[in-house]
Amino acid sequence: MFKSFFPQPKIFFLSFVLWAAVAVFIWYVVGASTWGQALFGATPPDAPPVIGLGHFVTPEFLWFYVYYLVFNIPFIGYWHWRAKHPWELWSVAGASVILFVTYFNVQVSVAINNWRRPFFDMVQNALAENPDPVVSVGDLFELIWIFAQLAFMFIAVIVVFRYFVSHWIFRWRNAMNNYYMERWKQVRHIEGASQRVQEDTMRFAGIMEGLGVSAIDAVMTLIAFLPILWGLSQYVPEVPFFGAVPQALVWAAILWSVFGTVLLAIAGIRLPGLEFKNQRVEAAYRKELVYGEDDHDRAQAFSVANLFNDVRRNYFRLYLEYMYFNVFRFAYLQADGIFGYVLLIPSIIAGAAIGFTFGILQQILTAFSQVSNSFQYLVNSWPTIVELLSIHKRLKTFEAAINEEDLPDIDKEWLDTHGTTSIRDIDDPEVESIGPGV
């Protein structure tokens, strides 16, 4: 799954995480964000945020482009020198492009969030009985035009980006397909080999396209919006039940999201295994029917009935587990919709006394939602993650059979239950049936 596309996957991913952590640490903690002042100048510390497309050509942003290249070129060059992997241009350099464009798209959301305060403050002022200053039609249209420019740029970037990601993911599937087909003579007798090579690699690639990009987007959103939420916490001097808490919005977003993630992880802990077994019983049932097309001694009523009973039993258990899981999932998501407002009740009541305006309210709710949704990545993606884990288990079992390694525990449990001694037996035409009791 991974070594076919990435050079030395375990070392590569570890080095990537460490290298990225170092880059972020140097930028935010060491202060590298200010090192580019000699090249591009500096924005005064008390200057308001730039509203509109100018956000992307500020001195800080121009320096960030250079900083990103300075950190990425050595990393890409090192892995080219170390591994010389046939897919390194796509896997290593392509991943670098995906990271940058994802961060750029997140910054569009930051720019829109900066736009919210002046726009909604202007709306609040226009609705006042004696607006001061007076708001004209042109003022509102000017801000709406700025929003339109940001939206059009986001659309242009995201469309090209999704096109590139689709090609990147297909190259990953291409690499897996080549890896398995090079070993086809030794794997063709493994249970469901054709399904693993065709269907599971297809589904793996499809899920990674959505899930992987969402994961990167969640991390980049945290990097971009956490400092913003940290700054906006000055407008929330206290929260319900706890009173004054420094940086309350940041801590509330983290604790609330961790609570939801742990809650749903516990509620859905059995789902990956059931999804995996579901594919097993479906494959066994389908295989017996396929053999029955050419051999009148196969797919007899009794054996087919037993195999379908396996299918039914697993589906019913899966439905029950999902019902239990969805009770917690939807209860949490409904509570999440109102949680931000609950935190802001004291600030809303204080209002003008602490400089709290309608624009600030909108800005805080958006930033808080971005941060909490990023922390809630597992919550929002759990059903898809379950499916991915199921596919990963099947491909891991497939690769274990290729390399004649010990099978994972879940496969040993399957083989013990169904009375077979080798995963190859499941696909062996000499085995009359694999249903329990047959």
Protein backbone atom coordinates (compact mmCIF):
# COMPACT_ATOMS: atom_id res chain seq x y z
CA MET A 1 0.00 0.00 0.00
CA PHE A 2 2.70 2.48 0.95
CA LYS A 3 6.12 1.25 -0.12
CA SER A 4 4.87 0.98 -3.69
CA PHE A 5 4.44 4.78 -3.81
CA PHE A 6 6.55 6.27 -1.01
CA PRO A 7 10.29 5.70 -0.49
CA GLN A 8 10.93 3.75 2.73
CA PRO A 9 7.49 4.69 4.15
CA LYS A 10 8.16 4.39 7.89
CA ILE A 11 11.32 6.49 7.78
CA PHE A 12 9.82 8.86 5.21
CA PHE A 13 6.67 9.68 7.19
CA LEU A 14 8.61 10.02 10.44
CA SER A 15 11.12 12.37 8.81
CA PHE A 16 8.27 14.33 7.22
CA VAL A 17 6.50 14.86 10.56
CA LEU A 18 9.75 15.89 12.29
CA TRP A 19 10.79 18.19 9.44
CA ALA A 20 7.36 19.85 9.36
CA ALA A 21 7.37 20.26 13.16
CA VAL A 22 10.79 21.91 13.01
CA ALA A 23 9.60 24.27 10.26
CA VAL A 24 6.49 25.29 12.23
CA PHE A 25 8.50 25.68 15.47
CA ILE A 26 11.08 27.93 13.82
CA TRP A 27 8.36 30.01 12.13
CA TYR A 28 6.13 30.59 15.16
CA VAL A 29 8.36 30.12 18.23
CA VAL A 30 11.86 31.07 17.10
CA GLY A 31 10.44 33.99 15.14
CA ALA A 32 11.34 33.17 11.55
CA SER A 33 8.17 34.99 10.45
CA THR A 34 10.04 38.27 11.02
CA TRP A 35 13.28 37.30 9.28
CA GLY A 36 12.03 38.43 5.88
CA GLN A 37 11.70 42.08 6.89
CA ALA A 38 15.01 42.93 5.24
CA LEU A 39 13.67 41.64 1.91
CA PHE A 40 10.02 42.67 1.96
CA GLY A 41 9.67 45.20 4.78
CA ALA A 42 7.44 44.83 7.82
CA THR A 43 3.82 45.50 8.69
CA PRO A 44 3.41 47.72 11.79
CA PRO A 45 2.36 45.58 14.78
CA ASP A 46 -0.73 47.72 15.44
CA ALA A 47 -1.87 47.74 11.80
CA PRO A 48 -5.34 46.26 11.17
CA PRO A 49 -5.60 43.10 9.05
CA VAL A 50 -5.49 43.66 5.30
CA ILE A 51 -8.94 43.07 3.84
CA GLY A 52 -9.19 41.42 0.43
CA LEU A 53 -6.65 40.05 -2.05
CA GLY A 54 -3.92 42.25 -0.57
CA HIS A 55 -3.80 39.70 2.29
CA PHE A 56 -1.76 37.40 0.02
CA VAL A 57 0.93 39.93 -0.94
CA THR A 58 1.71 41.36 2.47
CA PRO A 59 5.39 41.27 3.47
CA GLU A 60 4.71 38.35 5.82
CA PHE A 61 3.10 36.31 3.06
CA LEU A 62 5.82 37.02 0.49
CA TRP A 63 8.42 35.89 3.02
CA PHE A 64 6.38 32.77 3.79
CA TYR A 65 6.56 31.71 0.11
CA VAL A 66 10.35 31.94 0.23
CA TYR A 67 10.53 30.18 3.62
CA TYR A 68 8.40 27.27 2.36
CA LEU A 69 10.70 26.74 -0.64
CA VAL A 70 13.84 26.97 1.52
CA PHE A 71 12.54 24.20 3.78
CA ASN A 72 11.11 21.94 1.07
CA ILE A 73 13.88 21.85 -1.52
CA PRO A 74 16.43 20.17 0.85
CA PHE A 75 13.81 17.64 1.99
CA ILE A 76 12.87 16.67 -1.58
CA GLY A 77 16.54 16.59 -2.62
CA TYR A 78 17.49 14.37 0.30
CA TRP A 79 14.89 11.71 -0.54
CA HIS A 80 15.87 11.82 -4.19
CA TRP A 81 19.47 11.14 -3.19
CA ARG A 82 18.60 8.50 -0.56
CA ALA A 83 15.95 6.37 -2.22
CA LYS A 84 15.71 7.06 -5.95
CA HIS A 85 12.16 5.70 -5.83
CA PRO A 86 10.39 5.42 -9.22
CA TRP A 87 7.39 7.40 -7.89
CA GLU A 88 9.30 9.96 -5.81
CA LEU A 89 8.42 12.90 -8.06
CA TRP A 90 4.74 12.31 -7.42
CA SER A 91 4.88 11.04 -3.84
CA VAL A 92 7.41 13.48 -2.36
CA ALA A 93 7.30 16.60 -4.53
CA GLY A 94 3.58 16.15 -5.20
CA ALA A 95 2.87 15.96 -1.48
CA SER A 96 4.77 19.21 -0.99
CA VAL A 97 2.57 20.92 -3.57
CA ILE A 98 -0.56 19.57 -1.88
CA LEU A 99 0.57 20.93 1.50
CA PHE A 100 1.26 24.39 0.12
CA VAL A 101 -1.98 24.75 -1.82
CA THR A 102 -3.99 23.44 1.14
CA TYR A 103 -2.43 26.06 3.38
CA PHE A 104 -3.09 28.73 0.75
CA ASN A 105 -6.77 27.74 0.60
CA VAL A 106 -6.98 27.91 4.38
CA GLN A 107 -5.57 31.41 4.19
CA VAL A 108 -8.46 32.33 1.90
CA SER A 109 -10.74 31.36 4.80
CA VAL A 110 -8.60 33.54 7.08
CA ALA A 111 -8.99 36.46 4.65
CA ILE A 112 -12.76 35.95 4.60
CA ASN A 113 -12.80 35.84 8.38
CA ASN A 114 -10.91 39.17 8.47
CA TRP A 115 -13.59 40.54 6.14
CA ARG A 116 -16.41 39.53 8.49
CA ARG A 117 -15.68 42.10 11.19
CA PRO A 118 -15.90 45.28 9.08
CA PHE A 119 -18.84 43.94 7.07
CA PHE A 120 -21.02 42.87 10.00
CA ASP A 121 -20.03 45.91 12.06
CA MET A 122 -21.19 48.02 9.12
CA VAL A 123 -24.45 46.05 9.00
CA GLN A 124 -24.95 46.58 12.73
CA ASN A 125 -24.27 50.30 12.34
CA ALA A 126 -26.65 50.59 9.37
CA LEU A 127 -29.45 48.98 11.41
CA ALA A 128 -29.00 51.42 14.29
CA GLU A 129 -31.55 54.19 14.74
CA ASN A 130 -28.91 56.92 14.35
CA PRO A 131 -25.98 55.30 12.51
CA ASP A 132 -22.60 56.87 13.12
CA PRO A 133 -21.00 57.04 10.67
CA VAL A 134 -23.75 56.88 8.07
CA VAL A 135 -23.53 53.73 5.94
CA SER A 136 -24.14 54.12 2.21
CA VAL A 137 -25.17 51.58 -0.38
CA GLY A 138 -21.75 51.95 -1.97
CA ASP A 139 -19.99 51.06 1.29
CA LEU A 140 -21.82 47.74 1.54
CA PHE A 141 -21.34 46.91 -2.15
CA GLU A 142 -17.62 47.64 -1.84
CA LEU A 143 -17.23 45.04 0.89
CA ILE A 144 -19.41 42.55 -0.99
CA TRP A 145 -17.16 43.01 -4.05
CA ILE A 146 -14.11 42.25 -1.88
CA PHE A 147 -15.83 39.04 -0.74
CA ALA A 148 -16.60 38.13 -4.35
CA GLN A 149 -12.93 38.54 -5.31
CA LEU A 150 -11.87 36.20 -2.50
CA ALA A 151 -14.57 33.69 -3.44
CA PHE A 152 -13.58 33.70 -7.13
CA MET A 153 -9.93 33.15 -6.25
CA PHE A 154 -10.86 30.29 -3.92
CA ILE A 155 -12.92 28.63 -6.67
CA ALA A 156 -10.11 28.95 -9.22
CA VAL A 157 -7.50 27.50 -6.85
CA ILE A 158 -9.66 24.69 -5.45
CA VAL A 159 -10.75 23.46 -8.88
CA VAL A 160 -7.17 23.17 -10.16
CA PHE A 161 -6.05 21.75 -6.82
CA ARG A 162 -8.70 19.00 -6.79
CA TYR A 163 -7.73 18.11 -10.36
CA PHE A 164 -4.09 17.74 -9.29
CA VAL A 165 -5.01 15.71 -6.19
CA SER A 166 -7.10 13.32 -8.30
CA HIS A 167 -4.08 12.67 -10.53
CA TRP A 168 -1.80 12.32 -7.49
CA ILE A 169 -4.09 9.74 -5.88
CA PHE A 170 -4.45 7.80 -9.14
CA ARG A 171 -0.65 7.59 -9.38
CA TRP A 172 -0.73 6.03 -5.93
CA ARG A 173 -3.25 3.47 -7.14
CA ASN A 174 -1.10 2.97 -10.25
CA ALA A 175 1.91 2.22 -8.04
CA MET A 176 -0.07 -0.30 -5.93
CA ASN A 177 -1.44 -1.96 -9.05
CA ASN A 178 2.05 -2.32 -10.54
CA TYR A 179 3.41 -3.70 -7.27
CA TYR A 180 0.73 -6.39 -6.98
CA MET A 181 0.74 -7.32 -10.67
CA GLU A 182 4.49 -7.86 -10.63
CA ARG A 183 3.73 -10.62 -8.12
CA TRP A 184 0.57 -11.88 -9.79
CA LYS A 185 1.85 -15.42 -10.36
CA GLN A 186 2.33 -15.94 -6.65
CA VAL A 187 -0.81 -14.08 -5.53
CA ARG A 188 -3.37 -15.30 -8.05
CA HIS A 189 -4.33 -18.22 -5.80
CA ILE A 190 -4.86 -16.03 -2.74
CA GLU A 191 -8.46 -15.57 -1.68
CA GLY A 192 -10.02 -12.62 -3.51
CA ALA A 193 -6.77 -11.62 -5.26
CA SER A 194 -8.58 -10.01 -8.17
CA GLN A 195 -10.85 -8.08 -5.80
CA ARG A 196 -7.90 -6.88 -3.74
CA VAL A 197 -5.96 -5.68 -6.79
CA GLN A 198 -8.89 -4.05 -8.58
CA GLU A 199 -11.61 -3.07 -6.13
CA ASP A 200 -9.70 -2.48 -2.90
CA THR A 201 -6.95 -0.42 -4.53
CA MET A 202 -9.69 1.62 -6.27
CA ARG A 203 -11.59 2.18 -3.02
CA PHE A 204 -8.40 2.86 -1.09
CA ALA A 205 -7.42 5.55 -3.58
CA GLY A 206 -10.92 7.05 -3.61
CA ILE A 207 -11.13 7.29 0.17
CA MET A 208 -7.61 8.67 0.51
CA GLU A 209 -8.48 11.41 -1.99
CA GLY A 210 -11.22 12.75 0.26
CA LEU A 211 -10.01 11.68 3.68
CA GLY A 212 -6.35 12.53 3.16
CA VAL A 213 -7.03 16.01 1.82
CA SER A 214 -9.46 16.61 4.69
CA ALA A 215 -6.81 15.58 7.22
CA ILE A 216 -4.22 17.93 5.73
CA ASP A 217 -6.81 20.70 5.58
CA ALA A 218 -7.65 20.14 9.26
CA VAL A 219 -4.00 20.45 10.29
CA MET A 220 -3.44 23.55 8.14
CA THR A 221 -6.63 25.13 9.50
CA LEU A 222 -5.35 24.64 13.03
CA ILE A 223 -2.02 26.23 12.17
CA ALA A 224 -3.76 29.24 10.60
CA PHE A 225 -6.72 29.77 12.93
CA LEU A 226 -5.35 28.92 16.38
CA PRO A 227 -3.35 32.20 16.56
CA ILE A 228 -6.47 34.07 15.41
CA LEU A 229 -8.64 32.41 18.06
CA TRP A 230 -5.93 33.13 20.61
CA GLY A 231 -6.12 36.83 19.77
CA LEU A 232 -9.93 36.93 19.73
CA SER A 233 -10.05 35.43 23.23
CA GLN A 234 -9.46 38.95 24.59
CA TYR A 235 -13.15 39.62 23.86
CA VAL A 236 -14.20 36.67 26.04
CA PRO A 237 -13.09 37.62 29.56
CA GLU A 238 -15.20 34.88 31.14
CA VAL A 239 -17.20 31.80 30.20
CA PRO A 240 -20.27 30.21 31.81
CA PHE A 241 -19.70 28.01 34.90
CA PHE A 242 -15.92 28.63 34.97
CA GLY A 243 -15.66 32.42 35.09
CA ALA A 244 -12.46 34.10 33.95
CA VAL A 245 -10.24 31.71 32.00
CA PRO A 246 -7.18 32.95 30.04
CA GLN A 247 -7.49 32.15 26.31
CA ALA A 248 -10.84 30.53 27.02
CA LEU A 249 -11.80 30.03 23.37
CA VAL A 250 -8.68 28.01 22.58
CA TRP A 251 -9.02 25.73 25.61
CA ALA A 252 -12.76 25.29 25.05
CA ALA A 253 -12.21 24.27 21.40
CA ILE A 254 -9.52 21.75 22.34
CA LEU A 255 -11.35 20.17 25.28
CA TRP A 256 -14.71 20.01 23.50
CA SER A 257 -13.18 18.38 20.43
CA VAL A 258 -11.10 15.90 22.42
CA PHE A 259 -14.22 14.95 24.34
CA GLY A 260 -16.16 14.31 21.10
CA THR A 261 -13.31 12.35 19.52
CA VAL A 262 -12.84 10.07 22.53
CA LEU A 263 -16.60 9.62 22.92
CA LEU A 264 -17.10 8.48 19.32
CA ALA A 265 -13.92 6.42 19.20
CA ILE A 266 -15.21 4.40 22.16
CA ALA A 267 -18.75 4.20 20.76
CA GLY A 268 -17.49 2.95 17.37
CA ILE A 269 -14.58 0.80 18.46
CA ARG A 270 -16.09 -2.41 17.01
CA LEU A 271 -17.05 -0.99 13.62
CA PRO A 272 -13.73 -1.52 11.72
CA GLY A 273 -13.68 -5.22 12.61
CA LEU A 274 -17.31 -5.70 11.60
CA GLU A 275 -16.73 -3.91 8.28
CA PHE A 276 -13.74 -6.16 7.64
CA LYS A 277 -15.72 -9.31 8.43
CA ASN A 278 -18.50 -8.02 6.21
CA GLN A 279 -16.20 -8.10 3.22
CA ARG A 280 -15.08 -11.60 4.18
CA VAL A 281 -18.60 -13.08 4.33
CA GLU A 282 -19.64 -11.25 1.15
CA ALA A 283 -16.55 -12.57 -0.67
CA ALA A 284 -17.22 -16.14 0.49
CA TYR A 285 -20.86 -15.96 -0.59
CA ARG A 286 -19.99 -14.43 -3.97
CA LYS A 287 -17.23 -16.96 -4.63
CA GLU A 288 -19.53 -19.94 -4.04
CA LEU A 289 -22.08 -18.47 -6.46
CA VAL A 290 -19.37 -17.90 -9.09
CA TYR A 291 -18.21 -21.53 -8.80
CA GLY A 292 -21.83 -22.59 -9.11
CA GLU A 293 -22.02 -21.01 -12.56
CA ASP A 294 -19.62 -23.64 -13.96
CA ASP A 295 -19.95 -26.57 -11.57
CA HIS A 296 -23.38 -28.02 -10.82
CA ASP A 297 -22.02 -29.57 -7.61
CA ARG A 298 -21.27 -26.12 -6.18
CA ALA A 299 -23.68 -23.48 -4.82
CA GLN A 300 -26.02 -26.11 -3.43
CA ALA A 301 -28.98 -24.83 -1.43
CA PHE A 302 -27.67 -25.90 1.94
CA SER A 303 -24.16 -24.42 1.54
CA VAL A 304 -25.50 -21.19 -0.01
CA ALA A 305 -28.02 -20.81 2.80
CA ASN A 306 -25.26 -21.14 5.40
CA LEU A 307 -23.07 -18.62 3.62
CA PHE A 308 -25.93 -16.14 3.32
CA ASN A 309 -26.70 -16.61 7.01
CA ASP A 310 -23.16 -15.39 7.68
CA VAL A 311 -23.88 -12.32 5.55
CA ARG A 312 -27.17 -11.64 7.33
CA ARG A 313 -25.73 -12.15 10.81
CA ASN A 314 -22.84 -9.75 10.22
CA TYR A 315 -25.07 -7.08 8.64
CA PHE A 316 -27.49 -7.21 11.57
CA ARG A 317 -24.62 -6.79 14.03
CA LEU A 318 -23.30 -3.92 11.91
CA TYR A 319 -26.68 -2.17 11.86
CA LEU A 320 -26.95 -2.50 15.65
CA GLU A 321 -23.47 -1.10 16.20
CA TYR A 322 -24.13 1.85 13.85
CA MET A 323 -27.39 2.60 15.65
CA TYR A 324 -25.55 2.69 18.96
CA PHE A 325 -22.75 4.77 17.42
CA ASN A 326 -25.15 7.25 15.75
CA VAL A 327 -26.91 7.97 19.06
CA PHE A 328 -23.67 9.44 20.38
CA ARG A 329 -22.54 10.94 17.09
CA PHE A 330 -25.68 12.94 16.30
CA ALA A 331 -26.20 13.97 19.94
CA TYR A 332 -22.68 15.40 19.97
CA LEU A 333 -23.06 17.16 16.61
CA GLN A 334 -26.33 18.78 17.68
CA ALA A 335 -24.75 20.03 20.89
CA ASP A 336 -21.78 21.28 18.89
CA GLY A 337 -24.04 23.60 16.88
CA ILE A 338 -24.91 25.64 19.98
CA PHE A 339 -21.73 25.23 22.03
CA GLY A 340 -20.03 28.35 20.62
CA TYR A 341 -23.01 30.57 21.50
CA VAL A 342 -23.10 29.17 25.04
CA LEU A 343 -19.47 30.20 25.54
CA LEU A 344 -20.18 33.74 24.34
CA ILE A 345 -23.27 34.45 26.47
CA PRO A 346 -21.38 36.56 29.09
CA SER A 347 -19.62 38.53 26.34
CA ILE A 348 -22.88 39.12 24.45
CA ILE A 349 -24.53 40.41 27.64
CA ALA A 350 -21.57 42.70 28.38
CA GLY A 351 -21.72 43.99 24.80
CA ALA A 352 -20.39 47.50 24.25
CA ALA A 353 -18.81 47.62 27.70
CA ILE A 354 -16.03 45.31 26.50
CA GLY A 355 -16.10 46.43 22.85
CA PHE A 356 -18.01 43.35 21.73
CA THR A 357 -19.74 43.99 18.39
CA PHE A 358 -21.77 41.99 15.88
CA GLY A 359 -18.73 41.79 13.61
CA ILE A 360 -16.56 40.39 16.40
CA LEU A 361 -19.30 37.86 17.23
CA GLN A 362 -19.30 36.61 13.63
CA GLN A 363 -15.50 36.52 13.52
CA ILE A 364 -15.26 34.54 16.77
CA LEU A 365 -17.97 32.05 15.78
CA THR A 366 -16.26 31.42 12.43
CA ALA A 367 -12.76 31.05 13.92
CA PHE A 368 -14.06 28.85 16.75
CA SER A 369 -15.93 26.68 14.25
CA GLN A 370 -12.83 26.32 12.07
CA VAL A 371 -10.65 25.29 15.01
CA SER A 372 -13.18 22.97 16.64
CA ASN A 373 -14.02 21.32 13.30
CA SER A 374 -10.32 20.69 12.72
CA PHE A 375 -10.01 19.07 16.13
CA GLN A 376 -13.19 17.13 15.33
CA TYR A 377 -11.70 15.62 12.18
CA LEU A 378 -12.09 12.10 13.56
CA VAL A 379 -15.65 12.85 14.68
CA ASN A 380 -16.73 14.10 11.27
CA SER A 381 -14.87 11.44 9.30
CA TRP A 382 -15.36 8.40 11.51
CA PRO A 383 -17.65 6.38 9.16
CA THR A 384 -15.19 6.93 6.29
CA ILE A 385 -12.25 6.10 8.55
CA VAL A 386 -13.98 2.85 9.49
CA GLU A 387 -14.26 1.93 5.81
CA LEU A 388 -10.61 2.84 5.20
CA LEU A 389 -9.50 0.73 8.17
CA SER A 390 -11.47 -2.18 6.77
CA ILE A 391 -9.77 -1.86 3.37
CA HIS A 392 -6.39 -1.47 5.06
CA LYS A 393 -6.97 -4.70 6.99
CA ARG A 394 -7.83 -6.58 3.80
CA LEU A 395 -4.80 -5.29 1.88
CA LYS A 396 -2.57 -5.94 4.87
CA THR A 397 -3.82 -9.54 4.95
CA PHE A 398 -3.27 -9.78 1.19
CA GLU A 399 0.31 -8.57 1.52
CA ALA A 400 0.92 -10.94 4.44
CA ALA A 401 -0.11 -13.82 2.19
CA ILE A 402 2.16 -12.54 -0.59
CA ASN A 403 5.15 -12.43 1.74
CA GLU A 404 4.14 -15.66 3.54
CA GLU A 405 4.00 -13.83 6.87
CA ASP A 406 1.78 -14.51 9.87
CA LEU A 407 -1.77 -13.36 9.29
CA PRO A 408 -3.34 -10.59 11.41
CA ASP A 409 -5.36 -11.75 14.42
CA ILE A 410 -8.69 -11.03 12.76
CA ASP A 411 -7.84 -13.38 9.89
CA LYS A 412 -6.69 -16.10 12.27
CA GLU A 413 -10.05 -15.74 14.01
CA TRP A 414 -11.83 -16.09 10.64
CA LEU A 415 -9.85 -19.16 9.61
CA ASP A 416 -10.35 -20.83 12.99
CA THR A 417 -14.09 -20.17 12.83
CA HIS A 418 -14.46 -21.52 9.30
CA GLY A 419 -12.16 -24.51 9.65
CA THR A 420 -9.55 -23.57 7.04
CA THR A 421 -5.81 -23.72 7.62
CA SER A 422 -4.56 -21.21 5.09
CA ILE A 423 -5.91 -18.11 3.51
CA ARG A 424 -5.19 -19.75 0.15
CA ASP A 425 -7.69 -22.49 1.00
CA ILE A 426 -10.54 -20.00 0.77
CA ASP A 427 -9.85 -19.60 -2.93
CA ASP A 428 -8.97 -23.25 -3.62
CA PRO A 429 -11.48 -24.95 -5.99
CA GLU A 430 -10.89 -28.23 -4.14
CA VAL A 431 -12.45 -26.82 -0.97
CA GLU A 432 -16.14 -27.62 -1.27
CA SER A 433 -17.45 -24.92 1.06
CA ILE A 434 -16.33 -22.57 3.81
CA GLY A 435 -19.59 -21.99 5.58
CA PRO A 436 -19.79 -22.95 9.26
CA GLY A 437 -21.05 -26.48 9.77
CA VAL A 438 -20.82 -27.43 6.10
